[in-house]
């Protein structure tokens, strides 16, 4: 995968997202309202199911919600690498 490549969303990631979603709600820390599609857990699960042995940081405008699952940073706090 290139530095800015596309990563296909896998069934494994979606199942893991459901687990993260349920756990965050059981702990009283939901990342969205009960009626919203929770893309934060899907994005976190996708990052966490990568199996290529690299550390993953999700760069986002919403690090607060994502950081309960994965290393997440505001895009303004991440410099060129």
C-alpha atoms as a PDB file:
ATOM      1  CA  UNK A   1       0.000   0.000   0.000  1.00  0.00           C
ATOM      2  CA  UNK A   2       1.302   3.449  -0.853  1.00  0.00           C
ATOM      3  CA  UNK A   3       1.657   6.168   1.734  1.00  0.00           C
ATOM      4  CA  UNK A   4      -1.759   7.569   0.781  1.00  0.00           C
ATOM      5  CA  UNK A   5      -3.363   4.354  -0.423  1.00  0.00           C
ATOM      6  CA  UNK A   6      -6.863   3.053   0.032  1.00  0.00           C
ATOM      7  CA  UNK A   7      -7.534   0.253   2.491  1.00  0.00           C
ATOM      8  CA  UNK A   8     -10.590  -1.889   1.819  1.00  0.00           C
ATOM      9  CA  UNK A   9     -12.976  -2.244   4.767  1.00  0.00           C
ATOM     10  CA  UNK A  10     -12.950  -5.882   5.835  1.00  0.00           C
ATOM     11  CA  UNK A  11     -15.572  -8.044   7.498  1.00  0.00           C
ATOM     12  CA  UNK A  12     -13.086  -8.580  10.334  1.00  0.00           C
ATOM     13  CA  UNK A  13     -12.863  -4.826  10.917  1.00  0.00           C
ATOM     14  CA  UNK A  14     -16.650  -4.459  10.902  1.00  0.00           C
ATOM     15  CA  UNK A  15     -17.070  -7.257  13.454  1.00  0.00           C
ATOM     16  CA  UNK A  16     -14.382  -5.695  15.632  1.00  0.00           C
ATOM     17  CA  UNK A  17     -16.098  -2.301  15.286  1.00  0.00           C
ATOM     18  CA  UNK A  18     -19.294  -3.834  16.654  1.00  0.00           C
ATOM     19  CA  UNK A  19     -17.338  -5.127  19.655  1.00  0.00           C
ATOM     20  CA  UNK A  20     -15.759  -1.709  20.258  1.00  0.00           C
ATOM     21  CA  UNK A  21     -19.145  -0.026  19.892  1.00  0.00           C
ATOM     22  CA  UNK A  22     -20.766  -2.347  22.444  1.00  0.00           C
ATOM     23  CA  UNK A  23     -17.875  -2.057  24.902  1.00  0.00           C
ATOM     24  CA  UNK A  24     -17.830   1.756  24.781  1.00  0.00           C
ATOM     25  CA  UNK A  25     -21.583   1.872  25.423  1.00  0.00           C
ATOM     26  CA  UNK A  26     -21.377  -0.676  28.265  1.00  0.00           C
ATOM     27  CA  UNK A  27     -18.697   1.500  29.872  1.00  0.00           C
ATOM     28  CA  UNK A  28     -20.877   4.598  29.496  1.00  0.00           C
ATOM     29  CA  UNK A  29     -18.516   6.181  26.947  1.00  0.00           C
ATOM     30  CA  UNK A  30     -20.431   6.160  23.636  1.00  0.00           C
ATOM     31  CA  UNK A  31     -18.945   8.150  20.793  1.00  0.00           C
ATOM     32  CA  UNK A  32     -22.282   9.082  19.239  1.00  0.00           C
ATOM     33  CA  UNK A  33     -25.981   9.109  19.997  1.00  0.00           C
ATOM     34  CA  UNK A  34     -27.882   5.818  19.935  1.00  0.00           C
ATOM     35  CA  UNK A  35     -29.437   6.618  16.547  1.00  0.00           C
ATOM     36  CA  UNK A  36     -26.222   7.639  14.763  1.00  0.00           C
ATOM     37  CA  UNK A  37     -23.978   5.483  12.635  1.00  0.00           C
ATOM     38  CA  UNK A  38     -20.771   5.402  14.635  1.00  0.00           C
ATOM     39  CA  UNK A  39     -18.019   5.874  12.090  1.00  0.00           C
ATOM     40  CA  UNK A  40     -15.458   6.483  14.847  1.00  0.00           C
ATOM     41  CA  UNK A  41     -15.497   2.836  15.931  1.00  0.00           C
ATOM     42  CA  UNK A  42     -15.398   1.641  12.318  1.00  0.00           C
ATOM     43  CA  UNK A  43     -12.341   3.779  11.620  1.00  0.00           C
ATOM     44  CA  UNK A  44     -10.635   2.670  14.850  1.00  0.00           C
ATOM     45  CA  UNK A  45     -11.366  -0.997  14.159  1.00  0.00           C
ATOM     46  CA  UNK A  46      -9.999  -0.687  10.635  1.00  0.00           C
ATOM     47  CA  UNK A  47      -6.763   0.754  12.007  1.00  0.00           C
ATOM     48  CA  UNK A  48      -6.505  -1.854  14.766  1.00  0.00           C
ATOM     49  CA  UNK A  49      -7.019  -4.818  12.429  1.00  0.00           C
ATOM     50  CA  UNK A  50      -4.082  -3.944  10.208  1.00  0.00           C
ATOM     51  CA  UNK A  51      -1.760  -6.919  10.337  1.00  0.00           C
ATOM     52  CA  UNK A  52       1.389  -5.516   8.812  1.00  0.00           C
ATOM     53  CA  UNK A  53       3.205  -4.907  12.116  1.00  0.00           C
ATOM     54  CA  UNK A  54       3.236  -1.119  12.001  1.00  0.00           C
ATOM     55  CA  UNK A  55       2.046   1.326  14.627  1.00  0.00           C
ATOM     56  CA  UNK A  56      -0.996   3.201  13.383  1.00  0.00           C
ATOM     57  CA  UNK A  57      -2.031   6.730  14.253  1.00  0.00           C
ATOM     58  CA  UNK A  58      -5.390   8.008  13.082  1.00  0.00           C
ATOM     59  CA  UNK A  59      -5.150  11.657  12.063  1.00  0.00           C
ATOM     60  CA  UNK A  60      -8.517  13.327  12.425  1.00  0.00           C
ATOM     61  CA  UNK A  61     -10.520  16.369  13.446  1.00  0.00           C
ATOM     62  CA  UNK A  62     -12.092  14.325  16.264  1.00  0.00           C
ATOM     63  CA  UNK A  63      -9.285  12.789  18.319  1.00  0.00           C
ATOM     64  CA  UNK A  64     -11.334  12.852  21.524  1.00  0.00           C
ATOM     65  CA  UNK A  65     -13.701  10.058  20.473  1.00  0.00           C
ATOM     66  CA  UNK A  66     -11.171   7.963  18.572  1.00  0.00           C
ATOM     67  CA  UNK A  67      -8.479   8.098  21.246  1.00  0.00           C
ATOM     68  CA  UNK A  68     -10.423   5.750  23.524  1.00  0.00           C
ATOM     69  CA  UNK A  69      -9.752   3.018  20.953  1.00  0.00           C
ATOM     70  CA  UNK A  70      -6.583   3.877  19.044  1.00  0.00           C
ATOM     71  CA  UNK A  71      -3.750   6.421  18.959  1.00  0.00           C
ATOM     72  CA  UNK A  72      -5.543   9.429  17.476  1.00  0.00           C
ATOM     73  CA  UNK A  73      -4.259  12.946  16.969  1.00  0.00           C
ATOM     74  CA  UNK A  74      -5.636  16.171  15.629  1.00  0.00           C
ATOM     75  CA  UNK A  75      -4.450  16.755  12.092  1.00  0.00           C
ATOM     76  CA  UNK A  76      -3.129  20.172  13.147  1.00  0.00           C
ATOM     77  CA  UNK A  77      -0.814  18.469  15.671  1.00  0.00           C
ATOM     78  CA  UNK A  78       0.829  16.150  13.161  1.00  0.00           C
ATOM     79  CA  UNK A  79       3.761  17.436  11.148  1.00  0.00           C
ATOM     80  CA  UNK A  80       5.324  16.105   7.988  1.00  0.00           C
ATOM     81  CA  UNK A  81       7.123  12.821   8.435  1.00  0.00           C
END
